[in-house]
């Protein structure tokens, strides 16, 4: 099953995933790769970014992030992004 539209994949610079298994478990990864909308070198493990193995993308890069395993990854990356944004003084607080 794929949830995201073709045009999003064709415009994306990078596609971050939480685990290598995502390439064989998620239609949002498998389908676009099989159809050539995104290349293997554009699919990057989140761990590689957070560990410094891969450089962070340019600010104007379009990035798709897909989790396929645990909600723990979602919570962890949400916390990481929140702290980085707070430290940089960017973002917007929304009361729910």
PDB file of N, CA and C in Angstrom:
ATOM      1  N   UNK A   1       0.833  -1.171   0.000  1.00  0.00           N
ATOM      2  CA  UNK A   1       0.000   0.000   0.000  1.00  0.00           C
ATOM      3  C   UNK A   1       0.889   1.250   0.000  1.00  0.00           C
ATOM      4  N   UNK A   2       0.515   2.212  -0.785  1.00  0.00           N
ATOM      5  CA  UNK A   2       1.234   3.485  -0.831  1.00  0.00           C
ATOM      6  C   UNK A   2       0.261   4.593  -0.474  1.00  0.00           C
ATOM      7  N   UNK A   3       0.677   5.484   0.419  1.00  0.00           N
ATOM      8  CA  UNK A   3      -0.184   6.572   0.874  1.00  0.00           C
ATOM      9  C   UNK A   3       0.172   7.916   0.247  1.00  0.00           C
ATOM     10  N   UNK A   4       1.428   8.100  -0.139  1.00  0.00           N
ATOM     11  CA  UNK A   4       1.891   9.392  -0.634  1.00  0.00           C
ATOM     12  C   UNK A   4       1.818   9.453  -2.165  1.00  0.00           C
ATOM     13  N   UNK A   5       1.562  10.645  -2.737  1.00  0.00           N
ATOM     14  CA  UNK A   5       1.390  10.770  -4.192  1.00  0.00           C
ATOM     15  C   UNK A   5       2.715  10.736  -4.967  1.00  0.00           C
ATOM     16  N   UNK A   6       2.628  10.324  -6.202  1.00  0.00           N
ATOM     17  CA  UNK A   6       3.790  10.215  -7.090  1.00  0.00           C
ATOM     18  C   UNK A   6       4.556  11.532  -7.197  1.00  0.00           C
ATOM     19  N   UNK A   7       3.867  12.641  -7.324  1.00  0.00           N
ATOM     20  CA  UNK A   7       4.544  13.934  -7.495  1.00  0.00           C
ATOM     21  C   UNK A   7       5.443  14.276  -6.318  1.00  0.00           C
ATOM     22  N   UNK A   8       5.061  13.865  -5.133  1.00  0.00           N
ATOM     23  CA  UNK A   8       5.891  14.126  -3.956  1.00  0.00           C
ATOM     24  C   UNK A   8       7.229  13.399  -4.073  1.00  0.00           C
ATOM     25  N   UNK A   9       7.189  12.152  -4.516  1.00  0.00           N
ATOM     26  CA  UNK A   9       8.418  11.377  -4.679  1.00  0.00           C
ATOM     27  C   UNK A   9       9.299  11.950  -5.792  1.00  0.00           C
ATOM     28  N   UNK A  10       8.692  12.385  -6.846  1.00  0.00           N
ATOM     29  CA  UNK A  10       9.457  12.916  -7.981  1.00  0.00           C
ATOM     30  C   UNK A  10      10.142  14.235  -7.633  1.00  0.00           C
ATOM     31  N   UNK A  11       9.619  14.948  -6.651  1.00  0.00           N
ATOM     32  CA  UNK A  11      10.203  16.225  -6.258  1.00  0.00           C
ATOM     33  C   UNK A  11      11.158  16.111  -5.075  1.00  0.00           C
ATOM     34  N   UNK A  12      11.119  14.993  -4.371  1.00  0.00           N
ATOM     35  CA  UNK A  12      11.920  14.840  -3.154  1.00  0.00           C
ATOM     36  C   UNK A  12      13.406  14.728  -3.466  1.00  0.00           C
ATOM     37  N   UNK A  13      14.206  15.340  -2.613  1.00  0.00           N
ATOM     38  CA  UNK A  13      15.665  15.224  -2.723  1.00  0.00           C
ATOM     39  C   UNK A  13      16.164  14.020  -1.934  1.00  0.00           C
ATOM     40  N   UNK A  14      15.544  13.789  -0.770  1.00  0.00           N
ATOM     41  CA  UNK A  14      15.951  12.700   0.107  1.00  0.00           C
ATOM     42  C   UNK A  14      14.728  12.027   0.698  1.00  0.00           C
ATOM     43  N   UNK A  15      14.918  10.784   1.074  1.00  0.00           N
ATOM     44  CA  UNK A  15      13.860   9.989   1.651  1.00  0.00           C
ATOM     45  C   UNK A  15      14.451   9.285   2.865  1.00  0.00           C
ATOM     46  N   UNK A  16      14.118   9.748   4.055  1.00  0.00           N
ATOM     47  CA  UNK A  16      14.668   9.175   5.284  1.00  0.00           C
ATOM     48  C   UNK A  16      13.748   8.086   5.815  1.00  0.00           C
ATOM     49  N   UNK A  17      14.352   6.959   6.194  1.00  0.00           N
ATOM     50  CA  UNK A  17      13.598   5.857   6.771  1.00  0.00           C
ATOM     51  C   UNK A  17      14.226   5.466   8.101  1.00  0.00           C
ATOM     52  N   UNK A  18      13.440   4.828   8.951  1.00  0.00           N
ATOM     53  CA  UNK A  18      13.930   4.484  10.280  1.00  0.00           C
ATOM     54  C   UNK A  18      14.656   3.156  10.341  1.00  0.00           C
ATOM     55  N   UNK A  19      14.495   2.310   9.343  1.00  0.00           N
ATOM     56  CA  UNK A  19      15.212   1.035   9.342  1.00  0.00           C
ATOM     57  C   UNK A  19      15.365   0.520   7.915  1.00  0.00           C
ATOM     58  N   UNK A  20      16.371  -0.277   7.711  1.00  0.00           N
ATOM     59  CA  UNK A  20      16.641  -0.871   6.396  1.00  0.00           C
ATOM     60  C   UNK A  20      15.457  -1.726   5.930  1.00  0.00           C
ATOM     61  N   UNK A  21      14.735  -2.327   6.881  1.00  0.00           N
ATOM     62  CA  UNK A  21      13.589  -3.162   6.536  1.00  0.00           C
ATOM     63  C   UNK A  21      12.501  -2.382   5.818  1.00  0.00           C
ATOM     64  N   UNK A  22      12.492  -1.097   5.975  1.00  0.00           N
ATOM     65  CA  UNK A  22      11.485  -0.280   5.312  1.00  0.00           C
ATOM     66  C   UNK A  22      11.497  -0.431   3.806  1.00  0.00           C
ATOM     67  N   UNK A  23      12.659  -0.743   3.253  1.00  0.00           N
ATOM     68  CA  UNK A  23      12.770  -0.903   1.798  1.00  0.00           C
ATOM     69  C   UNK A  23      11.999  -2.118   1.292  1.00  0.00           C
ATOM     70  N   UNK A  24      11.705  -3.074   2.165  1.00  0.00           N
ATOM     71  CA  UNK A  24      10.988  -4.275   1.745  1.00  0.00           C
ATOM     72  C   UNK A  24       9.630  -4.423   2.423  1.00  0.00           C
ATOM     73  N   UNK A  25       9.289  -3.518   3.349  1.00  0.00           N
ATOM     74  CA  UNK A  25       8.031  -3.631   4.071  1.00  0.00           C
ATOM     75  C   UNK A  25       7.016  -2.554   3.724  1.00  0.00           C
ATOM     76  N   UNK A  26       7.464  -1.430   3.223  1.00  0.00           N
ATOM     77  CA  UNK A  26       6.566  -0.297   3.023  1.00  0.00           C
ATOM     78  C   UNK A  26       6.344   0.005   1.540  1.00  0.00           C
ATOM     79  N   UNK A  27       5.077   0.048   1.154  1.00  0.00           N
ATOM     80  CA  UNK A  27       4.735   0.427  -0.215  1.00  0.00           C
ATOM     81  C   UNK A  27       5.156   1.852  -0.529  1.00  0.00           C
ATOM     82  N   UNK A  28       5.244   2.691   0.508  1.00  0.00           N
ATOM     83  CA  UNK A  28       5.696   4.072   0.307  1.00  0.00           C
ATOM     84  C   UNK A  28       7.188   4.147   0.004  1.00  0.00           C
ATOM     85  N   UNK A  29       7.881   3.044   0.122  1.00  0.00           N
ATOM     86  CA  UNK A  29       9.298   2.995  -0.229  1.00  0.00           C
ATOM     87  C   UNK A  29       9.507   2.087  -1.438  1.00  0.00           C
ATOM     88  N   UNK A  30       8.942   0.890  -1.370  1.00  0.00           N
ATOM     89  CA  UNK A  30       9.138  -0.100  -2.441  1.00  0.00           C
ATOM     90  C   UNK A  30       8.605   0.394  -3.781  1.00  0.00           C
ATOM     91  N   UNK A  31       7.382   0.863  -3.823  1.00  0.00           N
ATOM     92  CA  UNK A  31       6.738   1.270  -5.071  1.00  0.00           C
ATOM     93  C   UNK A  31       7.488   2.401  -5.772  1.00  0.00           C
ATOM     94  N   UNK A  32       7.802   3.499  -5.088  1.00  0.00           N
ATOM     95  CA  UNK A  32       8.537   4.583  -5.748  1.00  0.00           C
ATOM     96  C   UNK A  32       9.930   4.157  -6.246  1.00  0.00           C
ATOM     97  N   UNK A  33      10.595   3.263  -5.509  1.00  0.00           N
ATOM     98  CA  UNK A  33      11.915   2.791  -5.958  1.00  0.00           C
ATOM     99  C   UNK A  33      11.769   1.918  -7.201  1.00  0.00           C
ATOM    100  N   UNK A  34      10.781   1.031  -7.198  1.00  0.00           N
ATOM    101  CA  UNK A  34      10.558   0.155  -8.353  1.00  0.00           C
ATOM    102  C   UNK A  34      10.188   0.946  -9.598  1.00  0.00           C
ATOM    103  N   UNK A  35       9.448   2.040  -9.421  1.00  0.00           N
ATOM    104  CA  UNK A  35       9.005   2.860 -10.551  1.00  0.00           C
ATOM    105  C   UNK A  35      10.018   3.929 -10.948  1.00  0.00           C
ATOM    106  N   UNK A  36      11.118   4.031 -10.191  1.00  0.00           N
ATOM    107  CA  UNK A  36      12.167   4.986 -10.524  1.00  0.00           C
ATOM    108  C   UNK A  36      11.878   6.417 -10.114  1.00  0.00           C
ATOM    109  N   UNK A  37      10.898   6.614  -9.249  1.00  0.00           N
ATOM    110  CA  UNK A  37      10.581   7.968  -8.795  1.00  0.00           C
ATOM    111  C   UNK A  37      11.609   8.462  -7.799  1.00  0.00           C
ATOM    112  N   UNK A  38      12.279   7.520  -7.151  1.00  0.00           N
ATOM    113  CA  UNK A  38      13.333   7.861  -6.197  1.00  0.00           C
ATOM    114  C   UNK A  38      14.416   6.789  -6.311  1.00  0.00           C
ATOM    115  N   UNK A  39      15.652   7.195  -6.230  1.00  0.00           N
ATOM    116  CA  UNK A  39      16.791   6.281  -6.398  1.00  0.00           C
ATOM    117  C   UNK A  39      17.284   5.781  -5.043  1.00  0.00           C
ATOM    118  N   UNK A  40      17.930   4.639  -5.067  1.00  0.00           N
ATOM    119  CA  UNK A  40      18.416   4.015  -3.832  1.00  0.00           C
ATOM    120  C   UNK A  40      19.332   4.954  -3.035  1.00  0.00           C
ATOM    121  N   UNK A  41      20.183   5.724  -3.718  1.00  0.00           N
ATOM    122  CA  UNK A  41      21.105   6.612  -2.993  1.00  0.00           C
ATOM    123  C   UNK A  41      20.385   7.771  -2.288  1.00  0.00           C
ATOM    124  N   UNK A  42      19.123   8.014  -2.646  1.00  0.00           N
ATOM    125  CA  UNK A  42      18.348   9.061  -1.983  1.00  0.00           C
ATOM    126  C   UNK A  42      17.678   8.554  -0.704  1.00  0.00           C
ATOM    127  N   UNK A  43      17.599   7.249  -0.542  1.00  0.00           N
ATOM    128  CA  UNK A  43      16.978   6.653   0.643  1.00  0.00           C
ATOM    129  C   UNK A  43      18.055   6.505   1.711  1.00  0.00           C
ATOM    130  N   UNK A  44      17.884   7.223   2.809  1.00  0.00           N
ATOM    131  CA  UNK A  44      18.911   7.309   3.839  1.00  0.00           C
ATOM    132  C   UNK A  44      18.335   6.866   5.177  1.00  0.00           C
ATOM    133  N   UNK A  45      19.108   6.072   5.882  1.00  0.00           N
ATOM    134  CA  UNK A  45      18.690   5.652   7.217  1.00  0.00           C
ATOM    135  C   UNK A  45      18.780   6.832   8.185  1.00  0.00           C
ATOM    136  N   UNK A  46      17.766   7.004   8.991  1.00  0.00           N
ATOM    137  CA  UNK A  46      17.748   8.078   9.980  1.00  0.00           C
ATOM    138  C   UNK A  46      18.947   7.971  10.910  1.00  0.00           C
ATOM    139  N   UNK A  47      19.325   6.755  11.283  1.00  0.00           N
ATOM    140  CA  UNK A  47      20.486   6.552  12.146  1.00  0.00           C
ATOM    141  C   UNK A  47      21.743   7.164  11.532  1.00  0.00           C
ATOM    142  N   UNK A  48      21.907   7.026  10.220  1.00  0.00           N
ATOM    143  CA  UNK A  48      23.093   7.578   9.563  1.00  0.00           C
ATOM    144  C   UNK A  48      23.137   9.097   9.663  1.00  0.00           C
ATOM    145  N   UNK A  49      21.984   9.740   9.623  1.00  0.00           N
ATOM    146  CA  UNK A  49      21.930  11.195   9.781  1.00  0.00           C
ATOM    147  C   UNK A  49      22.242  11.590  11.217  1.00  0.00           C
ATOM    148  N   UNK A  50      21.582  10.936  12.166  1.00  0.00           N
ATOM    149  CA  UNK A  50      21.754  11.301  13.577  1.00  0.00           C
ATOM    150  C   UNK A  50      23.140  10.968  14.111  1.00  0.00           C
ATOM    151  N   UNK A  51      23.778   9.946  13.554  1.00  0.00           N
ATOM    152  CA  UNK A  51      25.113   9.557  14.018  1.00  0.00           C
ATOM    153  C   UNK A  51      26.218  10.355  13.332  1.00  0.00           C
ATOM    154  N   UNK A  52      25.867  11.147  12.322  1.00  0.00           N
ATOM    155  CA  UNK A  52      26.849  11.950  11.615  1.00  0.00           C
ATOM    156  C   UNK A  52      27.476  11.246  10.424  1.00  0.00           C
ATOM    157  N   UNK A  53      27.087  10.006  10.151  1.00  0.00           N
ATOM    158  CA  UNK A  53      27.617   9.279   8.997  1.00  0.00           C
ATOM    159  C   UNK A  53      27.214   9.967   7.686  1.00  0.00           C
ATOM    160  N   UNK A  54      26.034  10.547   7.689  1.00  0.00           N
ATOM    161  CA  UNK A  54      25.520  11.277   6.532  1.00  0.00           C
ATOM    162  C   UNK A  54      25.351  12.735   6.920  1.00  0.00           C
ATOM    163  N   UNK A  55      25.721  13.659   6.046  1.00  0.00           N
ATOM    164  CA  UNK A  55      25.549  15.084   6.323  1.00  0.00           C
ATOM    165  C   UNK A  55      24.084  15.467   6.227  1.00  0.00           C
ATOM    166  N   UNK A  56      23.702  16.438   7.018  1.00  0.00           N
ATOM    167  CA  UNK A  56      22.339  16.961   6.955  1.00  0.00           C
ATOM    168  C   UNK A  56      22.119  17.626   5.610  1.00  0.00           C
ATOM    169  N   UNK A  57      20.916  17.546   5.078  1.00  0.00           N
ATOM    170  CA  UNK A  57      20.626  18.154   3.776  1.00  0.00           C
ATOM    171  C   UNK A  57      20.614  19.671   3.849  1.00  0.00           C
ATOM    172  N   UNK A  58      20.656  20.281   2.675  1.00  0.00           N
ATOM    173  CA  UNK A  58      20.538  21.738   2.598  1.00  0.00           C
ATOM    174  C   UNK A  58      19.163  22.156   3.122  1.00  0.00           C
ATOM    175  N   UNK A  59      19.056  23.393   3.547  1.00  0.00           N
ATOM    176  CA  UNK A  59      17.790  23.895   4.078  1.00  0.00           C
ATOM    177  C   UNK A  59      16.661  23.878   3.065  1.00  0.00           C
ATOM    178  N   UNK A  60      16.986  23.970   1.782  1.00  0.00           N
ATOM    179  CA  UNK A  60      15.939  24.020   0.758  1.00  0.00           C
ATOM    180  C   UNK A  60      15.615  22.644   0.180  1.00  0.00           C
ATOM    181  N   UNK A  61      16.132  21.587   0.779  1.00  0.00           N
ATOM    182  CA  UNK A  61      15.873  20.231   0.302  1.00  0.00           C
ATOM    183  C   UNK A  61      14.476  19.767   0.705  1.00  0.00           C
ATOM    184  N   UNK A  62      13.817  19.056  -0.198  1.00  0.00           N
ATOM    185  CA  UNK A  62      12.538  18.437   0.122  1.00  0.00           C
ATOM    186  C   UNK A  62      12.828  17.034   0.634  1.00  0.00           C
ATOM    187  N   UNK A  63      12.401  16.765   1.853  1.00  0.00           N
ATOM    188  CA  UNK A  63      12.689  15.493   2.509  1.00  0.00           C
ATOM    189  C   UNK A  63      11.383  14.792   2.860  1.00  0.00           C
ATOM    190  N   UNK A  64      11.323  13.518   2.565  1.00  0.00           N
ATOM    191  CA  UNK A  64      10.211  12.678   2.997  1.00  0.00           C
ATOM    192  C   UNK A  64      10.749  11.804   4.115  1.00  0.00           C
ATOM    193  N   UNK A  65       9.998  11.695   5.192  1.00  0.00           N
ATOM    194  CA  UNK A  65      10.396  10.826   6.297  1.00  0.00           C
ATOM    195  C   UNK A  65       9.321   9.784   6.495  1.00  0.00           C
ATOM    196  N   UNK A  66       9.708   8.518   6.511  1.00  0.00           N
ATOM    197  CA  UNK A  66       8.760   7.419   6.665  1.00  0.00           C
ATOM    198  C   UNK A  66       9.226   6.478   7.757  1.00  0.00           C
ATOM    199  N   UNK A  67       8.375   6.262   8.755  1.00  0.00           N
ATOM    200  CA  UNK A  67       8.668   5.266   9.771  1.00  0.00           C
ATOM    201  C   UNK A  67       7.869   4.016   9.440  1.00  0.00           C
ATOM    202  N   UNK A  68       8.473   2.885   9.688  1.00  0.00           N
ATOM    203  CA  UNK A  68       7.784   1.633   9.386  1.00  0.00           C
ATOM    204  C   UNK A  68       7.853   0.639  10.531  1.00  0.00           C
ATOM    205  N   UNK A  69       8.538   0.956  11.594  1.00  0.00           N
ATOM    206  CA  UNK A  69       8.721  -0.022  12.658  1.00  0.00           C
ATOM    207  C   UNK A  69       8.033   0.353  13.953  1.00  0.00           C
ATOM    208  N   UNK A  70       8.677   1.157  14.779  1.00  0.00           N
ATOM    209  CA  UNK A  70       8.164   1.408  16.121  1.00  0.00           C
ATOM    210  C   UNK A  70       7.780   2.862  16.333  1.00  0.00           C
ATOM    211  N   UNK A  71       6.760   3.061  17.144  1.00  0.00           N
ATOM    212  CA  UNK A  71       6.357   4.411  17.510  1.00  0.00           C
ATOM    213  C   UNK A  71       7.470   5.118  18.280  1.00  0.00           C
ATOM    214  N   UNK A  72       8.365   4.338  18.883  1.00  0.00           N
ATOM    215  CA  UNK A  72       9.498   4.915  19.601  1.00  0.00           C
ATOM    216  C   UNK A  72      10.344   5.789  18.678  1.00  0.00           C
ATOM    217  N   UNK A  73      10.515   5.364  17.425  1.00  0.00           N
ATOM    218  CA  UNK A  73      11.257   6.173  16.457  1.00  0.00           C
ATOM    219  C   UNK A  73      10.547   7.505  16.222  1.00  0.00           C
ATOM    220  N   UNK A  74       9.221   7.455  16.094  1.00  0.00           N
ATOM    221  CA  UNK A  74       8.453   8.687  15.882  1.00  0.00           C
ATOM    222  C   UNK A  74       8.651   9.650  17.047  1.00  0.00           C
ATOM    223  N   UNK A  75       8.528   9.137  18.263  1.00  0.00           N
ATOM    224  CA  UNK A  75       8.680   9.985  19.441  1.00  0.00           C
ATOM    225  C   UNK A  75      10.096  10.537  19.548  1.00  0.00           C
ATOM    226  N   UNK A  76      11.076   9.710  19.262  1.00  0.00           N
ATOM    227  CA  UNK A  76      12.478  10.141  19.360  1.00  0.00           C
ATOM    228  C   UNK A  76      12.800  11.235  18.355  1.00  0.00           C
ATOM    229  N   UNK A  77      12.395  11.046  17.111  1.00  0.00           N
ATOM    230  CA  UNK A  77      12.708  12.066  16.099  1.00  0.00           C
ATOM    231  C   UNK A  77      11.907  13.341  16.359  1.00  0.00           C
ATOM    232  N   UNK A  78      10.683  13.197  16.840  1.00  0.00           N
ATOM    233  CA  UNK A  78       9.898  14.380  17.186  1.00  0.00           C
ATOM    234  C   UNK A  78      10.582  15.196  18.270  1.00  0.00           C
ATOM    235  N   UNK A  79      11.101  14.523  19.274  1.00  0.00           N
ATOM    236  CA  UNK A  79      11.817  15.190  20.358  1.00  0.00           C
ATOM    237  C   UNK A  79      13.097  15.847  19.837  1.00  0.00           C
ATOM    238  N   UNK A  80      13.823  15.142  18.982  1.00  0.00           N
ATOM    239  CA  UNK A  80      15.063  15.670  18.408  1.00  0.00           C
ATOM    240  C   UNK A  80      14.786  16.948  17.603  1.00  0.00           C
ATOM    241  N   UNK A  81      13.785  16.906  16.739  1.00  0.00           N
ATOM    242  CA  UNK A  81      13.444  18.070  15.913  1.00  0.00           C
ATOM    243  C   UNK A  81      12.972  19.221  16.788  1.00  0.00           C
ATOM    244  N   UNK A  82      12.158  18.919  17.787  1.00  0.00           N
ATOM    245  CA  UNK A  82      11.677  19.949  18.695  1.00  0.00           C
ATOM    246  C   UNK A  82      12.832  20.670  19.383  1.00  0.00           C
ATOM    247  N   UNK A  83      13.773  19.908  19.926  1.00  0.00           N
ATOM    248  CA  UNK A  83      14.908  20.510  20.626  1.00  0.00           C
ATOM    249  C   UNK A  83      15.777  21.348  19.699  1.00  0.00           C
ATOM    250  N   UNK A  84      16.007  20.848  18.476  1.00  0.00           N
ATOM    251  CA  UNK A  84      16.811  21.611  17.505  1.00  0.00           C
ATOM    252  C   UNK A  84      16.108  22.917  17.140  1.00  0.00           C
ATOM    253  N   UNK A  85      14.803  22.863  16.926  1.00  0.00           N
ATOM    254  CA  UNK A  85      14.050  24.061  16.562  1.00  0.00           C
ATOM    255  C   UNK A  85      14.027  25.058  17.718  1.00  0.00           C
ATOM    256  N   UNK A  86      13.829  24.567  18.929  1.00  0.00           N
ATOM    257  CA  UNK A  86      13.804  25.442  20.096  1.00  0.00           C
ATOM    258  C   UNK A  86      15.161  26.129  20.273  1.00  0.00           C
ATOM    259  N   UNK A  87      16.233  25.362  20.130  1.00  0.00           N
ATOM    260  CA  UNK A  87      17.572  25.927  20.260  1.00  0.00           C
ATOM    261  C   UNK A  87      17.845  26.980  19.190  1.00  0.00           C
ATOM    262  N   UNK A  88      17.337  26.751  17.979  1.00  0.00           N
ATOM    263  CA  UNK A  88      17.538  27.692  16.867  1.00  0.00           C
ATOM    264  C   UNK A  88      16.553  28.847  16.915  1.00  0.00           C
ATOM    265  N   UNK A  89      15.559  28.785  17.801  1.00  0.00           N
ATOM    266  CA  UNK A  89      14.579  29.865  17.914  1.00  0.00           C
ATOM    267  C   UNK A  89      13.618  29.918  16.742  1.00  0.00           C
ATOM    268  N   UNK A  90      13.333  28.753  16.179  1.00  0.00           N
ATOM    269  CA  UNK A  90      12.412  28.694  15.042  1.00  0.00           C
ATOM    270  C   UNK A  90      11.219  27.826  15.385  1.00  0.00           C
ATOM    271  N   UNK A  91      10.187  27.921  14.582  1.00  0.00           N
ATOM    272  CA  UNK A  91       9.008  27.117  14.779  1.00  0.00           C
ATOM    273  C   UNK A  91       7.864  27.936  15.356  1.00  0.00           C
ATOM    274  N   UNK A  92       6.763  27.249  15.581  1.00  0.00           N
ATOM    275  CA  UNK A  92       5.579  27.910  16.090  1.00  0.00           C
ATOM    276  C   UNK A  92       4.918  27.002  17.109  1.00  0.00           C
ATOM    277  N   UNK A  93       4.573  27.554  18.262  1.00  0.00           N
ATOM    278  CA  UNK A  93       3.888  26.775  19.290  1.00  0.00           C
ATOM    279  C   UNK A  93       2.399  26.760  18.993  1.00  0.00           C
ATOM    280  N   UNK A  94       1.823  25.577  19.066  1.00  0.00           N
ATOM    281  CA  UNK A  94       0.394  25.407  18.799  1.00  0.00           C
ATOM    282  C   UNK A  94      -0.249  24.783  20.023  1.00  0.00           C
ATOM    283  N   UNK A  95      -1.264  25.431  20.559  1.00  0.00           N
ATOM    284  CA  UNK A  95      -1.998  24.864  21.696  1.00  0.00           C
ATOM    285  C   UNK A  95      -3.139  24.005  21.171  1.00  0.00           C
ATOM    286  N   UNK A  96      -3.193  22.799  21.696  1.00  0.00           N
ATOM    287  CA  UNK A  96      -4.237  21.865  21.249  1.00  0.00           C
ATOM    288  C   UNK A  96      -5.238  21.649  22.360  1.00  0.00           C
TER     289      UNK A  96
END
